[in-house]
Amino acid sequence: MSLVDNAVGRVPQPYRDMLLRHSELIKFAIVGGTTMVFDLAIFYSLSLTVLEEKPVVAKIISGVLATILSYILNREWAFRNRGGRERHHEALLFFAISGIGVLLAAAPLWIANNIFDIRETTESLTTRLIVDFVLNYIIGNLLQMVFRFWALRRFAFPDEDVNAVDYDEAEEEFGHS
């Protein structure tokens, strides 16, 4: 039994049923949290060193790498019970949707740096780190998360009868009947 199975097994009813019913969204959020930490580590590693003067480039690089990890985790775990598309078509849609998501996540940072010149007016490293975090990982990620969850379910990982399949497959996956 996996860590997730154990955790879900310990959740009391009726919350367990709610978890099972929304398991896809919960898994998507876990994948998102994991890839956000990955993205954050790469972004700050780049933006505080070799790309200090180019934070948007650092954000796009970290976003692309996080997107590759996200595809693997979403395909193999969060949306593994979905299908209906050839792998190459699904991957193309995933990366196109995620590319739009990367641009959505970078947009607040781009606006702050290119329209409001935030880098020019911020001298404190601490303030710059906080502003980057809020713009990238709160505002930007919220924008892309909402868009990606909707678009991935609708286009990349479609399913004809989502409501009936989700609950039954989640119950089967977590081993609870």
C-alpha atoms as a PDB file:
ATOM      1  CA  MET A   1       0.000   0.000   0.000  1.00  0.00           C
ATOM      2  CA  SER A   2       1.375   3.401  -0.957  1.00  0.00           C
ATOM      3  CA  LEU A   3       1.720   6.468   1.224  1.00  0.00           C
ATOM      4  CA  VAL A   4      -1.327   8.027  -0.462  1.00  0.00           C
ATOM      5  CA  ASP A   5      -3.390   4.856   0.048  1.00  0.00           C
ATOM      6  CA  ASN A   6      -2.500   4.849   3.740  1.00  0.00           C
ATOM      7  CA  ALA A   7      -3.370   8.527   4.110  1.00  0.00           C
ATOM      8  CA  VAL A   8      -6.723   8.149   2.350  1.00  0.00           C
ATOM      9  CA  GLY A   9      -7.488   5.006   4.353  1.00  0.00           C
ATOM     10  CA  ARG A  10      -7.151   6.960   7.598  1.00  0.00           C
ATOM     11  CA  VAL A  11      -9.545   9.725   6.569  1.00  0.00           C
ATOM     12  CA  PRO A  12     -12.923   9.296   8.312  1.00  0.00           C
ATOM     13  CA  GLN A  13     -16.201   9.089   6.408  1.00  0.00           C
ATOM     14  CA  PRO A  14     -17.808  11.146   4.802  1.00  0.00           C
ATOM     15  CA  TYR A  15     -14.563  12.981   4.066  1.00  0.00           C
ATOM     16  CA  ARG A  16     -13.072   9.863   2.481  1.00  0.00           C
ATOM     17  CA  ASP A  17     -15.903   9.793  -0.058  1.00  0.00           C
ATOM     18  CA  MET A  18     -15.275  13.463  -0.819  1.00  0.00           C
ATOM     19  CA  LEU A  19     -11.549  12.757  -1.293  1.00  0.00           C
ATOM     20  CA  LEU A  20     -12.322   9.877  -3.612  1.00  0.00           C
ATOM     21  CA  ARG A  21     -14.811  11.961  -5.581  1.00  0.00           C
ATOM     22  CA  HIS A  22     -12.264  14.744  -6.047  1.00  0.00           C
ATOM     23  CA  SER A  23      -9.147  12.586  -6.234  1.00  0.00           C
ATOM     24  CA  GLU A  24      -8.158  13.900  -9.648  1.00  0.00           C
ATOM     25  CA  LEU A  25      -8.182  17.510  -8.448  1.00  0.00           C
ATOM     26  CA  ILE A  26      -6.293  16.562  -5.281  1.00  0.00           C
ATOM     27  CA  LYS A  27      -3.641  14.673  -7.262  1.00  0.00           C
ATOM     28  CA  PHE A  28      -3.372  17.590  -9.689  1.00  0.00           C
ATOM     29  CA  ALA A  29      -2.799  19.908  -6.713  1.00  0.00           C
ATOM     30  CA  ILE A  30      -0.126  17.586  -5.253  1.00  0.00           C
ATOM     31  CA  VAL A  31       1.639  17.425  -8.629  1.00  0.00           C
ATOM     32  CA  GLY A  32       1.340  21.211  -8.839  1.00  0.00           C
ATOM     33  CA  GLY A  33       2.839  21.673  -5.383  1.00  0.00           C
ATOM     34  CA  THR A  34       5.706  19.348  -6.206  1.00  0.00           C
ATOM     35  CA  THR A  35       6.476  21.017  -9.499  1.00  0.00           C
ATOM     36  CA  MET A  36       6.114  24.452  -7.896  1.00  0.00           C
ATOM     37  CA  VAL A  37       8.908  23.621  -5.424  1.00  0.00           C
ATOM     38  CA  PHE A  38      10.996  22.284  -8.321  1.00  0.00           C
ATOM     39  CA  ASP A  39      10.257  25.436 -10.371  1.00  0.00           C
ATOM     40  CA  LEU A  40      11.003  27.681  -7.396  1.00  0.00           C
ATOM     41  CA  ALA A  41      14.397  26.059  -6.775  1.00  0.00           C
ATOM     42  CA  ILE A  42      15.431  26.427 -10.410  1.00  0.00           C
ATOM     43  CA  PHE A  43      14.065  29.967 -10.748  1.00  0.00           C
ATOM     44  CA  TYR A  44      15.896  31.277  -7.691  1.00  0.00           C
ATOM     45  CA  SER A  45      19.076  29.382  -8.579  1.00  0.00           C
ATOM     46  CA  LEU A  46      19.100  31.109 -11.963  1.00  0.00           C
ATOM     47  CA  SER A  47      17.712  34.531 -11.028  1.00  0.00           C
ATOM     48  CA  LEU A  48      20.139  34.980  -8.147  1.00  0.00           C
ATOM     49  CA  THR A  49      23.181  33.960 -10.212  1.00  0.00           C
ATOM     50  CA  VAL A  50      23.662  33.768 -13.980  1.00  0.00           C
ATOM     51  CA  LEU A  51      20.306  35.338 -14.929  1.00  0.00           C
ATOM     52  CA  GLU A  52      20.125  38.024 -12.248  1.00  0.00           C
ATOM     53  CA  GLU A  53      19.332  40.728 -14.803  1.00  0.00           C
ATOM     54  CA  LYS A  54      16.903  38.506 -16.740  1.00  0.00           C
ATOM     55  CA  PRO A  55      14.309  37.157 -14.264  1.00  0.00           C
ATOM     56  CA  VAL A  56      11.699  36.519 -16.968  1.00  0.00           C
ATOM     57  CA  VAL A  57      14.146  34.272 -18.854  1.00  0.00           C
ATOM     58  CA  ALA A  58      14.886  32.456 -15.575  1.00  0.00           C
ATOM     59  CA  LYS A  59      11.140  32.027 -15.027  1.00  0.00           C
ATOM     60  CA  ILE A  60      10.575  30.617 -18.500  1.00  0.00           C
ATOM     61  CA  ILE A  61      13.485  28.147 -18.144  1.00  0.00           C
ATOM     62  CA  SER A  62      12.273  27.003 -14.726  1.00  0.00           C
ATOM     63  CA  GLY A  63       8.708  26.808 -16.053  1.00  0.00           C
ATOM     64  CA  VAL A  64       9.679  24.638 -19.014  1.00  0.00           C
ATOM     65  CA  LEU A  65      11.647  22.209 -16.818  1.00  0.00           C
ATOM     66  CA  ALA A  66       8.795  22.059 -14.298  1.00  0.00           C
ATOM     67  CA  THR A  67       6.374  21.413 -17.162  1.00  0.00           C
ATOM     68  CA  ILE A  68       8.332  18.353 -18.269  1.00  0.00           C
ATOM     69  CA  LEU A  69       8.196  16.993 -14.726  1.00  0.00           C
ATOM     70  CA  SER A  70       4.511  17.903 -14.533  1.00  0.00           C
ATOM     71  CA  TYR A  71       3.695  15.922 -17.690  1.00  0.00           C
ATOM     72  CA  ILE A  72       5.326  12.815 -16.319  1.00  0.00           C
ATOM     73  CA  LEU A  73       3.582  13.080 -12.928  1.00  0.00           C
ATOM     74  CA  ASN A  74       0.187  14.043 -14.340  1.00  0.00           C
ATOM     75  CA  ARG A  75       0.249  11.359 -17.049  1.00  0.00           C
ATOM     76  CA  GLU A  76       1.399   8.592 -14.737  1.00  0.00           C
ATOM     77  CA  TRP A  77      -0.564   9.548 -11.630  1.00  0.00           C
ATOM     78  CA  ALA A  78      -3.073  12.410 -11.562  1.00  0.00           C
ATOM     79  CA  PHE A  79      -4.765  11.667 -14.897  1.00  0.00           C
ATOM     80  CA  ARG A  80      -3.685   8.065 -15.371  1.00  0.00           C
ATOM     81  CA  ASN A  81      -7.287   6.842 -15.527  1.00  0.00           C
ATOM     82  CA  ARG A  82      -8.060   9.172 -18.401  1.00  0.00           C
ATOM     83  CA  GLY A  83      -7.181   8.636 -21.972  1.00  0.00           C
ATOM     84  CA  GLY A  84      -8.770   8.576 -25.351  1.00  0.00           C
ATOM     85  CA  ARG A  85      -5.867  10.148 -27.195  1.00  0.00           C
ATOM     86  CA  GLU A  86      -2.719   8.799 -28.765  1.00  0.00           C
ATOM     87  CA  ARG A  87       0.278   9.459 -26.478  1.00  0.00           C
ATOM     88  CA  HIS A  88       1.987  11.799 -28.942  1.00  0.00           C
ATOM     89  CA  HIS A  89      -1.228  13.812 -29.472  1.00  0.00           C
ATOM     90  CA  GLU A  90      -1.836  13.961 -25.725  1.00  0.00           C
ATOM     91  CA  ALA A  91       1.761  15.101 -25.104  1.00  0.00           C
ATOM     92  CA  LEU A  92       1.525  17.773 -27.795  1.00  0.00           C
ATOM     93  CA  LEU A  93      -1.689  19.138 -26.257  1.00  0.00           C
ATOM     94  CA  PHE A  94      -0.222  18.943 -22.748  1.00  0.00           C
ATOM     95  CA  PHE A  95       2.868  20.925 -23.711  1.00  0.00           C
ATOM     96  CA  ALA A  96       0.879  23.468 -25.739  1.00  0.00           C
ATOM     97  CA  ILE A  97      -1.508  24.035 -22.812  1.00  0.00           C
ATOM     98  CA  SER A  98       1.401  24.128 -20.382  1.00  0.00           C
ATOM     99  CA  GLY A  99       3.266  26.567 -22.618  1.00  0.00           C
ATOM    100  CA  ILE A 100       0.325  28.928 -22.318  1.00  0.00           C
ATOM    101  CA  GLY A 101       0.436  28.269 -18.563  1.00  0.00           C
ATOM    102  CA  VAL A 102       4.146  29.177 -18.399  1.00  0.00           C
ATOM    103  CA  LEU A 103       3.382  32.458 -20.169  1.00  0.00           C
ATOM    104  CA  LEU A 104       0.478  33.133 -17.780  1.00  0.00           C
ATOM    105  CA  ALA A 105       2.756  32.464 -14.798  1.00  0.00           C
ATOM    106  CA  ALA A 106       5.474  34.750 -16.191  1.00  0.00           C
ATOM    107  CA  ALA A 107       3.043  37.555 -17.132  1.00  0.00           C
ATOM    108  CA  PRO A 108       2.844  39.249 -13.690  1.00  0.00           C
ATOM    109  CA  LEU A 109       6.656  39.272 -13.430  1.00  0.00           C
ATOM    110  CA  TRP A 110       6.986  40.606 -16.979  1.00  0.00           C
ATOM    111  CA  ILE A 111       4.445  43.360 -16.304  1.00  0.00           C
ATOM    112  CA  ALA A 112       6.178  44.339 -13.057  1.00  0.00           C
ATOM    113  CA  ASN A 113       9.632  44.445 -14.676  1.00  0.00           C
ATOM    114  CA  ASN A 114       8.835  45.845 -18.099  1.00  0.00           C
ATOM    115  CA  ILE A 115       5.963  48.210 -17.408  1.00  0.00           C
ATOM    116  CA  PHE A 116       6.544  49.220 -13.795  1.00  0.00           C
ATOM    117  CA  ASP A 117      10.374  48.804 -13.703  1.00  0.00           C
ATOM    118  CA  ILE A 118      10.231  47.014 -10.336  1.00  0.00           C
ATOM    119  CA  ARG A 119      13.882  45.841 -10.617  1.00  0.00           C
ATOM    120  CA  GLU A 120      15.056  49.408 -11.106  1.00  0.00           C
ATOM    121  CA  THR A 121      13.192  50.718  -8.047  1.00  0.00           C
ATOM    122  CA  THR A 122      13.914  47.804  -5.686  1.00  0.00           C
ATOM    123  CA  GLU A 123      17.327  47.879  -4.080  1.00  0.00           C
ATOM    124  CA  SER A 124      16.796  45.375  -1.268  1.00  0.00           C
ATOM    125  CA  LEU A 125      17.414  41.719  -2.142  1.00  0.00           C
ATOM    126  CA  THR A 126      14.819  40.653   0.430  1.00  0.00           C
ATOM    127  CA  THR A 127      12.168  42.898  -1.098  1.00  0.00           C
ATOM    128  CA  ARG A 128      13.033  41.657  -4.585  1.00  0.00           C
ATOM    129  CA  LEU A 129      12.756  38.013  -3.447  1.00  0.00           C
ATOM    130  CA  ILE A 130       9.371  38.670  -1.860  1.00  0.00           C
ATOM    131  CA  VAL A 131       8.066  40.537  -4.902  1.00  0.00           C
ATOM    132  CA  ASP A 132       9.308  37.787  -7.252  1.00  0.00           C
ATOM    133  CA  PHE A 133       7.698  35.131  -5.068  1.00  0.00           C
ATOM    134  CA  VAL A 134       4.328  36.895  -4.930  1.00  0.00           C
ATOM    135  CA  LEU A 135       4.317  37.641  -8.661  1.00  0.00           C
ATOM    136  CA  ASN A 136       5.594  34.219  -9.792  1.00  0.00           C
ATOM    137  CA  TYR A 137       4.354  31.724  -7.294  1.00  0.00           C
ATOM    138  CA  ILE A 138       1.154  33.194  -6.000  1.00  0.00           C
ATOM    139  CA  ILE A 139      -0.404  35.341  -8.717  1.00  0.00           C
ATOM    140  CA  GLY A 140       1.233  33.648 -11.714  1.00  0.00           C
ATOM    141  CA  ASN A 141       0.698  30.105 -10.483  1.00  0.00           C
ATOM    142  CA  LEU A 142      -2.928  30.766  -9.585  1.00  0.00           C
ATOM    143  CA  LEU A 143      -3.550  32.043 -13.104  1.00  0.00           C
ATOM    144  CA  GLN A 144      -1.895  29.072 -14.738  1.00  0.00           C
ATOM    145  CA  MET A 145      -3.323  26.487 -12.330  1.00  0.00           C
ATOM    146  CA  VAL A 146      -6.931  27.376 -13.049  1.00  0.00           C
ATOM    147  CA  PHE A 147      -6.304  27.484 -16.792  1.00  0.00           C
ATOM    148  CA  ARG A 148      -4.286  24.242 -16.892  1.00  0.00           C
ATOM    149  CA  PHE A 149      -6.680  22.152 -14.798  1.00  0.00           C
ATOM    150  CA  TRP A 150      -9.589  23.152 -17.026  1.00  0.00           C
ATOM    151  CA  ALA A 151      -7.683  22.781 -20.307  1.00  0.00           C
ATOM    152  CA  LEU A 152      -5.887  19.533 -19.439  1.00  0.00           C
ATOM    153  CA  ARG A 153      -9.120  17.795 -18.434  1.00  0.00           C
ATOM    154  CA  ARG A 154     -10.940  19.161 -21.441  1.00  0.00           C
ATOM    155  CA  PHE A 155      -8.326  18.676 -24.177  1.00  0.00           C
ATOM    156  CA  ALA A 156      -5.208  16.668 -23.242  1.00  0.00           C
ATOM    157  CA  PHE A 157      -6.743  14.035 -20.950  1.00  0.00           C
ATOM    158  CA  PRO A 158     -10.402  13.810 -22.020  1.00  0.00           C
ATOM    159  CA  ASP A 159     -12.837  11.285 -20.645  1.00  0.00           C
ATOM    160  CA  GLU A 160     -16.356  10.657 -21.881  1.00  0.00           C
ATOM    161  CA  ASP A 161     -18.083   9.936 -18.561  1.00  0.00           C
ATOM    162  CA  VAL A 162     -15.884  11.686 -16.016  1.00  0.00           C
ATOM    163  CA  ASN A 163     -18.371  11.781 -13.132  1.00  0.00           C
ATOM    164  CA  ALA A 164     -19.108   8.060 -13.159  1.00  0.00           C
ATOM    165  CA  VAL A 165     -15.531   6.988 -13.849  1.00  0.00           C
ATOM    166  CA  ASP A 166     -13.753   9.280 -11.377  1.00  0.00           C
ATOM    167  CA  TYR A 167     -15.375   7.977  -8.200  1.00  0.00           C
ATOM    168  CA  ASP A 168     -15.315   4.303  -9.156  1.00  0.00           C
ATOM    169  CA  GLU A 169     -11.716   4.368 -10.360  1.00  0.00           C
ATOM    170  CA  ALA A 170     -10.559   6.390  -7.360  1.00  0.00           C
ATOM    171  CA  GLU A 171     -12.184   3.850  -5.049  1.00  0.00           C
ATOM    172  CA  GLU A 172     -10.498   1.019  -6.943  1.00  0.00           C
ATOM    173  CA  GLU A 173      -7.144   2.835  -7.022  1.00  0.00           C
ATOM    174  CA  PHE A 174      -7.120   3.575  -3.298  1.00  0.00           C
ATOM    175  CA  GLY A 175      -8.416   0.077  -2.537  1.00  0.00           C
ATOM    176  CA  HIS A 176     -11.585   1.122  -0.703  1.00  0.00           C
ATOM    177  CA  SER A 177     -15.053  -0.095  -1.559  1.00  0.00           C
END
